[in-house]
Amino acid sequence: MEYRQFGSTGVRVSELCLGTMTFGRETDDAVARAIVDRFIEAGGNFIDTANGYGNPPGRSESILGGLLNGRRDQIVLATKVRFAIGDGPNDRGLSRRHIRQQCEASLRRLRTDWIDL
């Protein structure tokens, strides 16, 4: 696996980033585990998810949180917050309120104390 400097952070990430958009939708837990295991075995360390991925929204993060148990320190983890998570007027977008609420919800689903990006 090749690695690149991540901007000016001092962090090196794998050139390949594992996207988890299908986890909890087209990809069930067992297949997701196989994908994540193989990615990490191949030297990958950069994984992307989002609050709106999966069915219901957030399911991808929940699956990923379980799969990273005991391996979180090896991974540079990215997530996103803009996606709609409900029908309410404040359940989507990039308002300060939505970002804060969704970051907190993502941390719970991912079972971690920090998000890298």
C-alpha atoms as a PDB file:
ATOM      1  CA  MET A   1       0.000   0.000   0.000  1.00  0.00           C
ATOM      2  CA  GLU A   2       1.248   3.451  -0.840  1.00  0.00           C
ATOM      3  CA  TYR A   3       0.754   6.364   1.563  1.00  0.00           C
ATOM      4  CA  ARG A   4       0.450  10.116   1.133  1.00  0.00           C
ATOM      5  CA  GLN A   5       0.907  13.037   3.458  1.00  0.00           C
ATOM      6  CA  PHE A   6      -2.549  14.295   4.520  1.00  0.00           C
ATOM      7  CA  GLY A   7      -2.196  18.016   3.880  1.00  0.00           C
ATOM      8  CA  SER A   8      -0.077  19.685   6.553  1.00  0.00           C
ATOM      9  CA  THR A   9      -1.364  17.463   9.394  1.00  0.00           C
ATOM     10  CA  GLY A  10       1.695  15.228   9.646  1.00  0.00           C
ATOM     11  CA  VAL A  11      -0.596  12.219   9.207  1.00  0.00           C
ATOM     12  CA  ARG A  12       0.007   9.688   6.438  1.00  0.00           C
ATOM     13  CA  VAL A  13      -2.989   7.999   4.845  1.00  0.00           C
ATOM     14  CA  SER A  14      -3.244   5.161   2.380  1.00  0.00           C
ATOM     15  CA  GLU A  15      -3.696   6.280  -1.228  1.00  0.00           C
ATOM     16  CA  LEU A  16      -6.849   4.203  -1.245  1.00  0.00           C
ATOM     17  CA  CYS A  17      -9.690   5.268   1.019  1.00  0.00           C
ATOM     18  CA  LEU A  18     -12.342   2.682   1.850  1.00  0.00           C
ATOM     19  CA  GLY A  19     -15.808   4.148   1.313  1.00  0.00           C
ATOM     20  CA  THR A  20     -18.586   2.563   3.345  1.00  0.00           C
ATOM     21  CA  MET A  21     -21.654   4.031   1.646  1.00  0.00           C
ATOM     22  CA  THR A  22     -23.119   0.567   0.963  1.00  0.00           C
ATOM     23  CA  PHE A  23     -22.670  -0.752   4.535  1.00  0.00           C
ATOM     24  CA  GLY A  24     -26.083  -1.346   6.057  1.00  0.00           C
ATOM     25  CA  ARG A  25     -27.833  -1.058   2.731  1.00  0.00           C
ATOM     26  CA  GLU A  26     -26.500  -3.318  -0.047  1.00  0.00           C
ATOM     27  CA  THR A  27     -23.698  -4.729   2.131  1.00  0.00           C
ATOM     28  CA  ASP A  28     -24.626  -6.742   5.230  1.00  0.00           C
ATOM     29  CA  ASP A  29     -22.551  -6.955   8.410  1.00  0.00           C
ATOM     30  CA  ALA A  30     -20.661 -10.129   7.446  1.00  0.00           C
ATOM     31  CA  VAL A  31     -19.600  -8.814   4.038  1.00  0.00           C
ATOM     32  CA  ALA A  32     -18.705  -5.438   5.588  1.00  0.00           C
ATOM     33  CA  ARG A  33     -16.450  -7.246   8.080  1.00  0.00           C
ATOM     34  CA  ALA A  34     -14.688  -9.110   5.264  1.00  0.00           C
ATOM     35  CA  ILE A  35     -14.171  -5.879   3.325  1.00  0.00           C
ATOM     36  CA  VAL A  36     -12.775  -3.948   6.300  1.00  0.00           C
ATOM     37  CA  ASP A  37     -10.559  -6.850   7.383  1.00  0.00           C
ATOM     38  CA  ARG A  38      -9.097  -7.216   3.893  1.00  0.00           C
ATOM     39  CA  PHE A  39      -8.576  -3.458   3.537  1.00  0.00           C
ATOM     40  CA  ILE A  40      -6.661  -3.268   6.824  1.00  0.00           C
ATOM     41  CA  GLU A  41      -4.675  -6.449   6.017  1.00  0.00           C
ATOM     42  CA  ALA A  42      -3.632  -4.802   2.725  1.00  0.00           C
ATOM     43  CA  GLY A  43      -2.296  -1.811   4.668  1.00  0.00           C
ATOM     44  CA  GLY A  44      -5.236   0.555   4.216  1.00  0.00           C
ATOM     45  CA  ASN A  45      -5.699   3.042   7.030  1.00  0.00           C
ATOM     46  CA  PHE A  46      -8.167   5.633   5.651  1.00  0.00           C
ATOM     47  CA  ILE A  47     -11.916   4.931   5.938  1.00  0.00           C
ATOM     48  CA  ASP A  48     -14.813   7.204   4.978  1.00  0.00           C
ATOM     49  CA  THR A  49     -18.444   7.073   6.123  1.00  0.00           C
ATOM     50  CA  ALA A  50     -21.315   9.516   6.743  1.00  0.00           C
ATOM     51  CA  ASN A  51     -24.269  10.133   9.020  1.00  0.00           C
ATOM     52  CA  GLY A  52     -26.713   9.418   6.194  1.00  0.00           C
ATOM     53  CA  TYR A  53     -25.207   6.169   4.905  1.00  0.00           C
ATOM     54  CA  GLY A  54     -27.179   2.979   5.438  1.00  0.00           C
ATOM     55  CA  ASN A  55     -30.779   2.128   6.103  1.00  0.00           C
ATOM     56  CA  PRO A  56     -31.751   3.585   8.482  1.00  0.00           C
ATOM     57  CA  PRO A  57     -29.418   6.582   8.169  1.00  0.00           C
ATOM     58  CA  GLY A  58     -26.344   6.065  10.354  1.00  0.00           C
ATOM     59  CA  ARG A  59     -26.338   2.278   9.995  1.00  0.00           C
ATOM     60  CA  SER A  60     -23.040   2.377   8.111  1.00  0.00           C
ATOM     61  CA  GLU A  61     -21.387   4.173  11.038  1.00  0.00           C
ATOM     62  CA  SER A  62     -22.874   1.678  13.509  1.00  0.00           C
ATOM     63  CA  ILE A  63     -21.536  -1.285  11.552  1.00  0.00           C
ATOM     64  CA  LEU A  64     -18.139   0.353  11.138  1.00  0.00           C
ATOM     65  CA  GLY A  65     -17.944   1.203  14.848  1.00  0.00           C
ATOM     66  CA  GLY A  66     -18.264  -2.467  15.720  1.00  0.00           C
ATOM     67  CA  LEU A  67     -15.735  -3.514  13.103  1.00  0.00           C
ATOM     68  CA  LEU A  68     -13.098  -1.059  14.312  1.00  0.00           C
ATOM     69  CA  ASN A  69     -13.310  -2.257  17.907  1.00  0.00           C
ATOM     70  CA  GLY A  70      -9.709  -2.680  19.075  1.00  0.00           C
ATOM     71  CA  ARG A  71      -8.319  -1.275  15.803  1.00  0.00           C
ATOM     72  CA  ARG A  72      -9.417   2.358  15.973  1.00  0.00           C
ATOM     73  CA  ASP A  73      -5.873   3.647  16.559  1.00  0.00           C
ATOM     74  CA  GLN A  74      -4.800   2.164  13.194  1.00  0.00           C
ATOM     75  CA  ILE A  75      -7.421   4.080  11.206  1.00  0.00           C
ATOM     76  CA  VAL A  76      -7.789   7.642   9.957  1.00  0.00           C
ATOM     77  CA  LEU A  77     -11.561   8.011  10.090  1.00  0.00           C
ATOM     78  CA  ALA A  78     -13.609  10.486   8.058  1.00  0.00           C
ATOM     79  CA  THR A  79     -17.340  11.107   8.258  1.00  0.00           C
ATOM     80  CA  LYS A  80     -19.787  13.695   6.961  1.00  0.00           C
ATOM     81  CA  VAL A  81     -22.808  15.470   8.454  1.00  0.00           C
ATOM     82  CA  ARG A  82     -24.815  17.247   5.718  1.00  0.00           C
ATOM     83  CA  PHE A  83     -27.143  14.379   4.862  1.00  0.00           C
ATOM     84  CA  ALA A  84     -30.794  14.362   5.924  1.00  0.00           C
ATOM     85  CA  ILE A  85     -31.429  12.151   8.934  1.00  0.00           C
ATOM     86  CA  GLY A  86     -35.119  12.964   9.293  1.00  0.00           C
ATOM     87  CA  ASP A  87     -37.966  15.016   7.853  1.00  0.00           C
ATOM     88  CA  GLY A  88     -37.645  18.021  10.176  1.00  0.00           C
ATOM     89  CA  PRO A  89     -36.460  21.432   8.973  1.00  0.00           C
ATOM     90  CA  ASN A  90     -33.222  21.119  10.989  1.00  0.00           C
ATOM     91  CA  ASP A  91     -32.521  17.468  10.182  1.00  0.00           C
ATOM     92  CA  ARG A  92     -30.134  18.256   7.327  1.00  0.00           C
ATOM     93  CA  GLY A  93     -27.580  20.783   6.194  1.00  0.00           C
ATOM     94  CA  LEU A  94     -24.544  22.507   7.604  1.00  0.00           C
ATOM     95  CA  SER A  95     -25.946  24.670  10.373  1.00  0.00           C
ATOM     96  CA  ARG A  96     -23.885  24.826  13.552  1.00  0.00           C
ATOM     97  CA  ARG A  97     -26.699  22.980  15.324  1.00  0.00           C
ATOM     98  CA  HIS A  98     -26.887  20.131  12.805  1.00  0.00           C
ATOM     99  CA  ILE A  99     -23.099  19.724  12.666  1.00  0.00           C
ATOM    100  CA  ARG A 100     -22.836  19.533  16.471  1.00  0.00           C
ATOM    101  CA  GLN A 101     -25.758  17.127  16.843  1.00  0.00           C
ATOM    102  CA  GLN A 102     -24.573  14.868  14.044  1.00  0.00           C
ATOM    103  CA  CYS A 103     -20.949  14.816  15.196  1.00  0.00           C
ATOM    104  CA  GLU A 104     -22.129  13.702  18.634  1.00  0.00           C
ATOM    105  CA  ALA A 105     -24.421  11.065  17.098  1.00  0.00           C
ATOM    106  CA  SER A 106     -21.610   9.860  14.803  1.00  0.00           C
ATOM    107  CA  LEU A 107     -19.238   9.490  17.749  1.00  0.00           C
ATOM    108  CA  ARG A 108     -21.808   7.289  19.523  1.00  0.00           C
ATOM    109  CA  ARG A 109     -22.477   5.151  16.451  1.00  0.00           C
ATOM    110  CA  LEU A 110     -18.766   4.822  15.636  1.00  0.00           C
ATOM    111  CA  ARG A 111     -18.005   3.957  19.279  1.00  0.00           C
ATOM    112  CA  THR A 112     -15.058   6.312  19.374  1.00  0.00           C
ATOM    113  CA  ASP A 113     -13.968   9.482  21.143  1.00  0.00           C
ATOM    114  CA  TRP A 114     -12.704  11.230  18.021  1.00  0.00           C
ATOM    115  CA  ILE A 115     -13.240  11.696  14.326  1.00  0.00           C
ATOM    116  CA  ASP A 116     -10.132  12.478  12.294  1.00  0.00           C
ATOM    117  CA  LEU A 117     -11.879  14.302   9.442  1.00  0.00           C
END
